[in-house]
């Protein structure tokens, strides 16, 4: 019969040493960019609708977009981040606004 390694607790179960830890997927930031036409209320609505922000959180981010030129809407895996950008820009265009969103590594 073969020899079975013990885990040290007497169970006779082999223990795998040095198991690699699962690596977190890279994260990507979705940024909203300032323009001269998109209204404050519309940006707040976008942040609530697509990023599930509270009215207060959305207002703070919108002020940052207005004052600093861009603001962080959220951080996601790459595929989700890219999907959010398309959703935001399509929604904005459908409502007559040139709101721009982009993705960059977080």
Protein backbone atom coordinates (compact mmCIF):
# COMPACT_ATOMS: atom_id res chain seq x y z
CA UNK A 1 0.00 0.00 0.00
CA UNK A 2 1.10 3.55 -0.69
CA UNK A 3 2.10 6.02 1.96
CA UNK A 4 -0.37 8.86 2.68
CA UNK A 5 0.87 12.16 4.05
CA UNK A 6 -0.85 13.42 7.13
CA UNK A 7 -1.85 16.98 7.74
CA UNK A 8 -0.68 16.85 11.32
CA UNK A 9 -4.18 16.69 12.76
CA UNK A 10 -4.42 12.92 12.46
CA UNK A 11 -6.99 12.92 9.67
CA UNK A 12 -4.67 11.32 7.13
CA UNK A 13 -5.67 13.93 4.54
CA UNK A 14 -2.91 15.21 2.31
CA UNK A 15 -2.35 18.94 2.54
CA UNK A 16 -1.35 20.92 -0.51
CA UNK A 17 1.52 23.19 0.41
CA UNK A 18 2.09 26.47 -1.34
CA UNK A 19 -1.24 26.61 -3.15
CA UNK A 20 -1.22 29.74 -5.34
CA UNK A 21 -3.69 32.38 -4.23
CA UNK A 22 -6.23 33.53 -6.76
CA UNK A 23 -5.13 36.81 -8.25
CA UNK A 24 -7.63 39.64 -8.23
CA UNK A 25 -8.51 40.78 -11.76
CA UNK A 26 -7.18 44.24 -12.64
CA UNK A 27 -9.55 47.07 -11.78
CA UNK A 28 -10.50 49.98 -14.00
CA UNK A 29 -11.84 53.40 -13.11
CA UNK A 30 -14.81 54.89 -14.95
CA UNK A 31 -14.41 58.66 -15.20
CA UNK A 32 -16.97 61.26 -16.22
CA UNK A 33 -15.64 64.35 -18.01
CA UNK A 34 -16.79 67.95 -17.81
CA UNK A 35 -18.33 69.74 -20.79
CA UNK A 36 -20.19 73.01 -21.23
CA UNK A 37 -23.59 71.51 -22.05
CA UNK A 38 -24.49 68.54 -19.86
CA UNK A 39 -26.56 69.70 -16.91
CA UNK A 40 -25.69 69.08 -13.27
CA UNK A 41 -28.99 67.25 -12.75
CA UNK A 42 -28.37 64.95 -15.71
CA UNK A 43 -24.92 63.93 -14.41
CA UNK A 44 -26.46 63.23 -10.99
CA UNK A 45 -29.13 61.10 -12.70
CA UNK A 46 -26.47 59.15 -14.64
CA UNK A 47 -24.50 58.47 -11.44
CA UNK A 48 -27.63 57.24 -9.69
CA UNK A 49 -28.92 55.17 -12.60
CA UNK A 50 -25.70 53.47 -13.76
CA UNK A 51 -23.49 53.60 -10.65
CA UNK A 52 -26.12 53.29 -7.90
CA UNK A 53 -24.92 56.41 -6.08
CA UNK A 54 -27.05 58.21 -3.52
CA UNK A 55 -28.16 61.74 -4.37
CA UNK A 56 -25.49 63.10 -2.01
CA UNK A 57 -22.69 60.93 -3.48
CA UNK A 58 -23.77 61.77 -7.03
CA UNK A 59 -23.84 65.51 -6.24
CA UNK A 60 -20.32 65.38 -4.76
CA UNK A 61 -18.95 63.55 -7.81
CA UNK A 62 -20.74 65.96 -10.17
CA UNK A 63 -19.19 68.95 -8.38
CA UNK A 64 -15.77 67.33 -8.76
CA UNK A 65 -16.41 66.84 -12.49
CA UNK A 66 -17.41 70.49 -12.76
CA UNK A 67 -14.48 71.91 -10.77
CA UNK A 68 -11.67 69.48 -11.67
CA UNK A 69 -12.66 68.46 -15.18
CA UNK A 70 -13.40 64.84 -14.33
CA UNK A 71 -14.70 62.67 -11.53
CA UNK A 72 -14.58 59.02 -10.53
CA UNK A 73 -17.90 57.27 -11.04
CA UNK A 74 -16.70 53.82 -9.93
CA UNK A 75 -14.08 51.08 -10.16
CA UNK A 76 -14.85 47.76 -11.86
CA UNK A 77 -13.36 44.88 -13.80
CA UNK A 78 -12.43 45.91 -17.34
CA UNK A 79 -15.46 44.43 -19.09
CA UNK A 80 -17.94 46.02 -16.67
CA UNK A 81 -16.13 49.37 -16.81
CA UNK A 82 -16.20 49.40 -20.61
CA UNK A 83 -19.90 48.45 -20.62
CA UNK A 84 -20.70 51.29 -18.20
CA UNK A 85 -18.93 53.80 -20.48
CA UNK A 86 -21.01 52.69 -23.48
CA UNK A 87 -24.24 52.78 -21.45
CA UNK A 88 -23.51 56.28 -20.10
CA UNK A 89 -22.56 57.75 -23.47
CA UNK A 90 -25.51 56.13 -25.27
CA UNK A 91 -27.92 57.37 -22.58
CA UNK A 92 -26.44 60.88 -22.72
CA UNK A 93 -26.68 61.04 -26.53
CA UNK A 94 -30.27 59.81 -26.40
CA UNK A 95 -31.02 62.77 -24.11
CA UNK A 96 -29.12 65.29 -26.23
CA UNK A 97 -26.04 65.65 -24.02
CA UNK A 98 -22.37 65.25 -25.02
CA UNK A 99 -21.37 63.73 -21.64
CA UNK A 100 -18.16 61.75 -22.06
CA UNK A 101 -16.98 58.85 -19.96
CA UNK A 102 -13.69 56.97 -20.13
CA UNK A 103 -11.90 53.98 -18.61
CA UNK A 104 -8.38 53.94 -17.19
CA UNK A 105 -6.50 51.47 -14.99
CA UNK A 106 -7.31 52.05 -11.33
